C-alpha cells in the first residue's frame, strides 16, 4: 500500500494495489474508490483530505476488513452452496418419509 498526499491540491491518494483503473465509485462527496476490471478496490482518492485525514486509518481498516470478508466468502462460496443443496435434499427426503409413514398407517 502506498499513500501520497498532494499538499497544494489537498488531495490524498491511497494505492491499494497496482493495475489499471477501469471504474470508480464515489462513496461520499470527497471520497472516490478506484476500481479494477473485477470491481475490486485498487485505490482511494480523497479530496479536501486535510478535513478527513484523522478518519483515514479507520476507513482503511474498514476497507481491508471488507476485502478480507469478500475474499473469505469467495473461497467458501462453493462449499456453502453445496452444503445448502445437501440440506435441502435431506429435508425433502425426510418430508417424503413422513408422508410415506402416514400412508402406511392408513392402510
C-alpha atoms as a PDB file:
ATOM      1  CA  UNK A   1       0.000   0.000   0.000  1.00  0.00           C
ATOM      2  CA  UNK A   2       1.213   3.473  -0.835  1.00  0.00           C
ATOM      3  CA  UNK A   3      -0.175   6.763   0.467  1.00  0.00           C
ATOM      4  CA  UNK A   4       0.533  10.060  -1.281  1.00  0.00           C
ATOM      5  CA  UNK A   5      -0.574  13.491  -0.144  1.00  0.00           C
ATOM      6  CA  UNK A   6      -0.522  16.424  -2.552  1.00  0.00           C
ATOM      7  CA  UNK A   7      -0.497  19.440  -0.272  1.00  0.00           C
ATOM      8  CA  UNK A   8      -1.081  22.105  -2.943  1.00  0.00           C
ATOM      9  CA  UNK A   9      -4.284  20.376  -4.105  1.00  0.00           C
ATOM     10  CA  UNK A  10      -5.144  18.940  -0.633  1.00  0.00           C
ATOM     11  CA  UNK A  11      -5.620  15.512  -2.211  1.00  0.00           C
ATOM     12  CA  UNK A  12      -4.663  12.190  -0.699  1.00  0.00           C
ATOM     13  CA  UNK A  13      -4.256   9.200  -2.975  1.00  0.00           C
ATOM     14  CA  UNK A  14      -4.044   5.724  -1.493  1.00  0.00           C
ATOM     15  CA  UNK A  15      -2.804   2.963  -3.768  1.00  0.00           C
ATOM     16  CA  UNK A  16      -4.012  -0.414  -2.516  1.00  0.00           C
ATOM     17  CA  UNK A  17      -2.814  -2.447  -5.473  1.00  0.00           C
ATOM     18  CA  UNK A  18      -1.261  -1.721  -8.842  1.00  0.00           C
ATOM     19  CA  UNK A  19      -3.204  -2.069 -12.034  1.00  0.00           C
ATOM     20  CA  UNK A  20      -5.275  -0.108 -14.487  1.00  0.00           C
ATOM     21  CA  UNK A  21      -8.328   1.707 -13.193  1.00  0.00           C
ATOM     22  CA  UNK A  22     -11.479   0.553 -15.005  1.00  0.00           C
ATOM     23  CA  UNK A  23     -14.058   2.455 -12.992  1.00  0.00           C
ATOM     24  CA  UNK A  24     -14.779   4.385  -9.863  1.00  0.00           C
ATOM     25  CA  UNK A  25     -17.409   4.762  -7.170  1.00  0.00           C
ATOM     26  CA  UNK A  26     -17.994   7.920  -5.192  1.00  0.00           C
ATOM     27  CA  UNK A  27     -18.690   6.853  -1.609  1.00  0.00           C
ATOM     28  CA  UNK A  28     -19.038  10.379  -0.255  1.00  0.00           C
ATOM     29  CA  UNK A  29     -18.737  13.866  -1.740  1.00  0.00           C
ATOM     30  CA  UNK A  30     -14.933  13.895  -1.385  1.00  0.00           C
ATOM     31  CA  UNK A  31     -14.001  10.201  -1.415  1.00  0.00           C
ATOM     32  CA  UNK A  32     -13.808   8.140  -4.584  1.00  0.00           C
ATOM     33  CA  UNK A  33     -12.868   4.476  -4.822  1.00  0.00           C
ATOM     34  CA  UNK A  34     -10.837   3.435  -7.848  1.00  0.00           C
ATOM     35  CA  UNK A  35     -11.828   0.020  -9.196  1.00  0.00           C
ATOM     36  CA  UNK A  36     -10.183  -2.538 -11.455  1.00  0.00           C
ATOM     37  CA  UNK A  37     -11.884  -4.671 -14.126  1.00  0.00           C
ATOM     38  CA  UNK A  38     -13.207  -7.021 -11.400  1.00  0.00           C
ATOM     39  CA  UNK A  39     -14.713  -4.110  -9.448  1.00  0.00           C
ATOM     40  CA  UNK A  40     -12.077  -4.624  -6.733  1.00  0.00           C
ATOM     41  CA  UNK A  41     -10.781  -1.531  -4.959  1.00  0.00           C
ATOM     42  CA  UNK A  42      -7.285  -0.616  -6.130  1.00  0.00           C
ATOM     43  CA  UNK A  43      -7.133   2.953  -4.867  1.00  0.00           C
ATOM     44  CA  UNK A  44      -8.822   5.719  -2.930  1.00  0.00           C
ATOM     45  CA  UNK A  45      -8.823   9.405  -3.805  1.00  0.00           C
ATOM     46  CA  UNK A  46      -9.691  11.873  -1.047  1.00  0.00           C
ATOM     47  CA  UNK A  47     -10.365  15.497  -1.916  1.00  0.00           C
ATOM     48  CA  UNK A  48     -10.029  18.130   0.798  1.00  0.00           C
ATOM     49  CA  UNK A  49      -8.012  15.495   2.609  1.00  0.00           C
ATOM     50  CA  UNK A  50      -6.984  17.772   5.462  1.00  0.00           C
ATOM     51  CA  UNK A  51     -10.621  17.682   6.638  1.00  0.00           C
ATOM     52  CA  UNK A  52     -10.803  13.885   6.769  1.00  0.00           C
ATOM     53  CA  UNK A  53      -7.255  12.709   7.423  1.00  0.00           C
ATOM     54  CA  UNK A  54      -7.959  11.907  11.059  1.00  0.00           C
ATOM     55  CA  UNK A  55     -10.535   9.303   9.927  1.00  0.00           C
ATOM     56  CA  UNK A  56      -8.459   7.731   7.145  1.00  0.00           C
ATOM     57  CA  UNK A  57      -6.817   4.940   9.216  1.00  0.00           C
ATOM     58  CA  UNK A  58     -10.225   3.765  10.446  1.00  0.00           C
ATOM     59  CA  UNK A  59     -11.625   3.940   6.929  1.00  0.00           C
ATOM     60  CA  UNK A  60      -8.700   1.947   5.524  1.00  0.00           C
ATOM     61  CA  UNK A  61      -9.185  -0.731   8.179  1.00  0.00           C
ATOM     62  CA  UNK A  62     -12.868  -0.954   7.260  1.00  0.00           C
ATOM     63  CA  UNK A  63     -11.920  -1.417   3.606  1.00  0.00           C
ATOM     64  CA  UNK A  64      -9.360  -4.077   4.485  1.00  0.00           C
ATOM     65  CA  UNK A  65     -11.905  -5.880   6.644  1.00  0.00           C
ATOM     66  CA  UNK A  66     -14.415  -5.812   3.809  1.00  0.00           C
ATOM     67  CA  UNK A  67     -11.785  -7.133   1.389  1.00  0.00           C
ATOM     68  CA  UNK A  68     -10.941  -9.982   3.809  1.00  0.00           C
ATOM     69  CA  UNK A  69     -14.640 -10.819   4.151  1.00  0.00           C
ATOM     70  CA  UNK A  70     -15.132 -10.809   0.366  1.00  0.00           C
ATOM     71  CA  UNK A  71     -12.069 -12.995  -0.118  1.00  0.00           C
ATOM     72  CA  UNK A  72     -13.154 -15.432   2.573  1.00  0.00           C
ATOM     73  CA  UNK A  73     -16.658 -15.631   1.151  1.00  0.00           C
ATOM     74  CA  UNK A  74     -15.345 -16.187  -2.374  1.00  0.00           C
ATOM     75  CA  UNK A  75     -13.172 -19.054  -1.127  1.00  0.00           C
ATOM     76  CA  UNK A  76     -16.047 -20.756   0.711  1.00  0.00           C
ATOM     77  CA  UNK A  77     -18.994 -19.885  -1.518  1.00  0.00           C
ATOM     78  CA  UNK A  78     -18.966 -23.197  -3.430  1.00  0.00           C
ATOM     79  CA  UNK A  79     -18.855 -25.184  -0.174  1.00  0.00           C
ATOM     80  CA  UNK A  80     -21.707 -23.132   1.287  1.00  0.00           C
ATOM     81  CA  UNK A  81     -23.839 -23.672  -1.805  1.00  0.00           C
ATOM     82  CA  UNK A  82     -23.104 -27.423  -1.782  1.00  0.00           C
ATOM     83  CA  UNK A  83     -23.994 -27.666   1.920  1.00  0.00           C
ATOM     84  CA  UNK A  84     -27.257 -25.771   1.357  1.00  0.00           C
ATOM     85  CA  UNK A  85     -28.184 -28.081  -1.515  1.00  0.00           C
ATOM     86  CA  UNK A  86     -27.431 -31.139   0.629  1.00  0.00           C
ATOM     87  CA  UNK A  87     -29.625 -29.809   3.459  1.00  0.00           C
ATOM     88  CA  UNK A  88     -32.424 -29.098   1.006  1.00  0.00           C
ATOM     89  CA  UNK A  89     -32.169 -32.645  -0.348  1.00  0.00           C
ATOM     90  CA  UNK A  90     -32.253 -34.103   3.185  1.00  0.00           C
ATOM     91  CA  UNK A  91     -35.300 -32.015   4.124  1.00  0.00           C
ATOM     92  CA  UNK A  92     -37.170 -33.190   1.031  1.00  0.00           C
ATOM     93  CA  UNK A  93     -36.217 -36.797   1.806  1.00  0.00           C
ATOM     94  CA  UNK A  94     -37.467 -36.516   5.406  1.00  0.00           C
ATOM     95  CA  UNK A  95     -40.690 -34.875   4.244  1.00  0.00           C
ATOM     96  CA  UNK A  96     -41.308 -37.686   1.779  1.00  0.00           C
ATOM     97  CA  UNK A  97     -40.594 -40.272   4.521  1.00  0.00           C
ATOM     98  CA  UNK A  98     -43.177 -38.649   6.807  1.00  0.00           C
ATOM     99  CA  UNK A  99     -45.768 -38.778   4.056  1.00  0.00           C
ATOM    100  CA  UNK A 100     -44.871 -42.427   3.492  1.00  0.00           C
ATOM    101  CA  UNK A 101     -45.322 -43.242   7.214  1.00  0.00           C
ATOM    102  CA  UNK A 102     -48.775 -41.602   7.275  1.00  0.00           C
ATOM    103  CA  UNK A 103     -49.863 -43.585   4.237  1.00  0.00           C
ATOM    104  CA  UNK A 104     -48.644 -46.843   5.867  1.00  0.00           C
ATOM    105  CA  UNK A 105     -50.772 -46.186   8.973  1.00  0.00           C
ATOM    106  CA  UNK A 106     -53.880 -45.583   6.881  1.00  0.00           C
ATOM    107  CA  UNK A 107     -53.564 -48.923   5.046  1.00  0.00           C
END
